[in-house]
Amino acid sequence: MPPQKVVQQTPETAVITAKIEDLRKFITLIGKDSRFAAGLWVGFVKGLAIGIFVSLLLVGLKLMV
C-alpha cells in the first residue's frame, strides 16, 4: 500500500477555509433561530385563536341558558 499524500495548507488557504466554515455555521444558526421563532409565533397565534373560540362558545352557551 503506497503512503498517503499529505496535503498542506498555506496560511492563506487555512484562513479562507476557516472563514467558509464559520459562515456555514452562522447560516445554520440563523436557520435554526428563524425556525424556532416561527414555531413560537405559530403557537401563540394558535393558542389565541383557540382561546377566543372557546370564550365565544362559552359566552354563547351562557346566553342561551
N, C-alpha and C. Protein backbone atom coordinates (compact mmCIF):
# COMPACT_ATOMS: atom_id res chain seq x y z
N MET A 1 0.86 -1.18 0.00
CA MET A 1 0.00 0.00 0.00
C MET A 1 0.90 1.24 0.00
N PRO A 2 0.74 2.11 -1.00
CA PRO A 2 1.59 3.31 -1.05
C PRO A 2 1.19 4.29 0.06
N PRO A 3 2.16 5.07 0.52
CA PRO A 3 1.84 6.04 1.58
C PRO A 3 0.88 7.11 1.05
N GLN A 4 0.01 7.59 1.96
CA GLN A 4 -0.96 8.61 1.56
C GLN A 4 -0.25 9.95 1.39
N LYS A 5 -0.75 10.70 0.42
CA LYS A 5 -0.17 12.00 0.14
C LYS A 5 -0.70 13.00 1.17
N VAL A 6 0.20 13.76 1.76
CA VAL A 6 -0.18 14.76 2.76
C VAL A 6 -0.37 16.09 2.05
N VAL A 7 -1.57 16.68 2.23
CA VAL A 7 -1.85 17.97 1.61
C VAL A 7 -1.68 19.04 2.68
N GLN A 8 -0.77 19.94 2.45
CA GLN A 8 -0.54 21.01 3.40
C GLN A 8 -1.23 22.27 2.92
N GLN A 9 -1.75 23.03 3.87
CA GLN A 9 -2.40 24.28 3.53
C GLN A 9 -1.46 25.44 3.85
N THR A 10 -1.50 26.40 2.98
CA THR A 10 -0.76 27.62 3.28
C THR A 10 -1.58 28.43 4.27
N PRO A 11 -0.99 29.38 4.95
CA PRO A 11 -1.77 30.19 5.90
C PRO A 11 -2.95 30.89 5.24
N GLU A 12 -2.80 31.30 4.00
CA GLU A 12 -3.89 32.00 3.31
C GLU A 12 -5.07 31.06 3.06
N THR A 13 -4.80 29.85 2.58
CA THR A 13 -5.90 28.91 2.34
C THR A 13 -6.52 28.45 3.65
N ALA A 14 -5.74 28.36 4.71
CA ALA A 14 -6.30 27.99 6.01
C ALA A 14 -7.27 29.06 6.51
N VAL A 15 -6.93 30.32 6.30
CA VAL A 15 -7.81 31.42 6.73
C VAL A 15 -9.10 31.40 5.91
N ILE A 16 -8.99 31.20 4.60
CA ILE A 16 -10.17 31.17 3.73
C ILE A 16 -11.06 29.99 4.11
N THR A 17 -10.47 28.83 4.34
CA THR A 17 -11.24 27.65 4.74
C THR A 17 -11.95 27.89 6.07
N ALA A 18 -11.27 28.50 7.02
CA ALA A 18 -11.88 28.78 8.32
C ALA A 18 -13.04 29.76 8.18
N LYS A 19 -12.89 30.77 7.32
CA LYS A 19 -13.98 31.74 7.11
C LYS A 19 -15.19 31.07 6.48
N ILE A 20 -14.97 30.19 5.53
CA ILE A 20 -16.07 29.48 4.88
C ILE A 20 -16.81 28.61 5.89
N GLU A 21 -16.08 27.88 6.71
CA GLU A 21 -16.71 27.03 7.73
C GLU A 21 -17.47 27.88 8.75
N ASP A 22 -16.91 29.04 9.10
CA ASP A 22 -17.57 29.95 10.03
C ASP A 22 -18.88 30.46 9.45
N LEU A 23 -18.88 30.82 8.16
CA LEU A 23 -20.10 31.28 7.51
C LEU A 23 -21.15 30.17 7.46
N ARG A 24 -20.73 28.95 7.19
CA ARG A 24 -21.68 27.83 7.16
C ARG A 24 -22.34 27.63 8.53
N LYS A 25 -21.55 27.75 9.59
CA LYS A 25 -22.11 27.60 10.93
C LYS A 25 -23.09 28.72 11.24
N PHE A 26 -22.75 29.97 10.86
CA PHE A 26 -23.65 31.10 11.11
C PHE A 26 -24.95 30.94 10.34
N ILE A 27 -24.88 30.49 9.10
CA ILE A 27 -26.08 30.30 8.29
C ILE A 27 -26.98 29.24 8.92
N THR A 28 -26.36 28.16 9.42
CA THR A 28 -27.13 27.11 10.09
C THR A 28 -27.80 27.65 11.34
N LEU A 29 -27.07 28.44 12.13
CA LEU A 29 -27.65 29.00 13.35
C LEU A 29 -28.79 29.96 13.04
N ILE A 30 -28.65 30.76 12.00
CA ILE A 30 -29.72 31.69 11.61
C ILE A 30 -30.97 30.90 11.22
N GLY A 31 -30.79 29.82 10.48
CA GLY A 31 -31.92 28.98 10.08
C GLY A 31 -32.62 28.36 11.28
N LYS A 32 -31.83 27.88 12.25
CA LYS A 32 -32.43 27.30 13.45
C LYS A 32 -33.19 28.35 14.25
N ASP A 33 -32.62 29.54 14.38
CA ASP A 33 -33.29 30.62 15.12
C ASP A 33 -34.59 31.03 14.42
N SER A 34 -34.56 31.11 13.10
CA SER A 34 -35.76 31.50 12.35
C SER A 34 -36.86 30.46 12.52
N ARG A 35 -36.48 29.20 12.47
CA ARG A 35 -37.47 28.14 12.63
C ARG A 35 -38.06 28.14 14.04
N PHE A 36 -37.21 28.39 15.03
CA PHE A 36 -37.68 28.44 16.42
C PHE A 36 -38.64 29.61 16.61
N ALA A 37 -38.29 30.79 16.08
CA ALA A 37 -39.14 31.96 16.22
C ALA A 37 -40.47 31.76 15.49
N ALA A 38 -40.42 31.14 14.33
CA ALA A 38 -41.66 30.88 13.59
C ALA A 38 -42.55 29.92 14.36
N GLY A 39 -41.97 28.92 14.98
CA GLY A 39 -42.75 27.98 15.79
C GLY A 39 -43.39 28.66 16.99
N LEU A 40 -42.64 29.54 17.64
CA LEU A 40 -43.20 30.28 18.77
C LEU A 40 -44.38 31.14 18.34
N TRP A 41 -44.22 31.83 17.22
CA TRP A 41 -45.27 32.72 16.73
C TRP A 41 -46.52 31.93 16.35
N VAL A 42 -46.35 30.80 15.67
CA VAL A 42 -47.49 29.97 15.28
C VAL A 42 -48.20 29.44 16.53
N GLY A 43 -47.43 29.03 17.52
CA GLY A 43 -48.04 28.55 18.76
C GLY A 43 -48.83 29.64 19.46
N PHE A 44 -48.30 30.86 19.46
CA PHE A 44 -49.01 31.98 20.08
C PHE A 44 -50.32 32.27 19.36
N VAL A 45 -50.27 32.33 18.06
CA VAL A 45 -51.47 32.64 17.27
C VAL A 45 -52.50 31.52 17.41
N LYS A 46 -52.05 30.28 17.37
CA LYS A 46 -52.97 29.14 17.50
C LYS A 46 -53.62 29.15 18.89
N GLY A 47 -52.85 29.41 19.93
CA GLY A 47 -53.40 29.48 21.27
C GLY A 47 -54.40 30.61 21.43
N LEU A 48 -54.10 31.75 20.84
CA LEU A 48 -55.00 32.89 20.89
C LEU A 48 -56.31 32.57 20.16
N ALA A 49 -56.22 31.94 19.01
CA ALA A 49 -57.43 31.58 18.25
C ALA A 49 -58.28 30.58 19.02
N ILE A 50 -57.65 29.58 19.62
CA ILE A 50 -58.41 28.60 20.40
C ILE A 50 -59.06 29.27 21.60
N GLY A 51 -58.33 30.17 22.25
CA GLY A 51 -58.89 30.88 23.41
C GLY A 51 -60.09 31.73 23.05
N ILE A 52 -59.99 32.46 21.95
CA ILE A 52 -61.13 33.29 21.52
C ILE A 52 -62.32 32.42 21.15
N PHE A 53 -62.07 31.31 20.44
CA PHE A 53 -63.15 30.42 20.05
C PHE A 53 -63.86 29.83 21.26
N VAL A 54 -63.09 29.35 22.24
CA VAL A 54 -63.69 28.76 23.44
C VAL A 54 -64.44 29.82 24.23
N SER A 55 -63.89 31.02 24.32
CA SER A 55 -64.57 32.10 25.05
C SER A 55 -65.90 32.44 24.39
N LEU A 56 -65.91 32.59 23.09
CA LEU A 56 -67.16 32.88 22.39
C LEU A 56 -68.16 31.74 22.53
N LEU A 57 -67.68 30.52 22.50
CA LEU A 57 -68.55 29.36 22.66
C LEU A 57 -69.20 29.36 24.04
N LEU A 58 -68.39 29.64 25.07
CA LEU A 58 -68.93 29.66 26.44
C LEU A 58 -69.90 30.82 26.64
N VAL A 59 -69.59 31.98 26.07
CA VAL A 59 -70.50 33.12 26.17
C VAL A 59 -71.80 32.82 25.45
N GLY A 60 -71.72 32.20 24.30
CA GLY A 60 -72.92 31.82 23.54
C GLY A 60 -73.77 30.83 24.29
N LEU A 61 -73.14 29.85 24.94
CA LEU A 61 -73.89 28.87 25.73
C LEU A 61 -74.54 29.52 26.93
N LYS A 62 -73.85 30.49 27.54
CA LYS A 62 -74.41 31.14 28.71
C LYS A 62 -75.62 32.01 28.31
N LEU A 63 -75.55 32.64 27.15
CA LEU A 63 -76.66 33.46 26.71
C LEU A 63 -77.87 32.62 26.34
N MET A 64 -77.66 31.39 25.88
CA MET A 64 -78.76 30.51 25.51
C MET A 64 -79.49 29.99 26.75
N VAL A 65 -78.77 29.85 27.85
CA VAL A 65 -79.37 29.25 29.06
C VAL A 65 -80.01 30.28 29.92
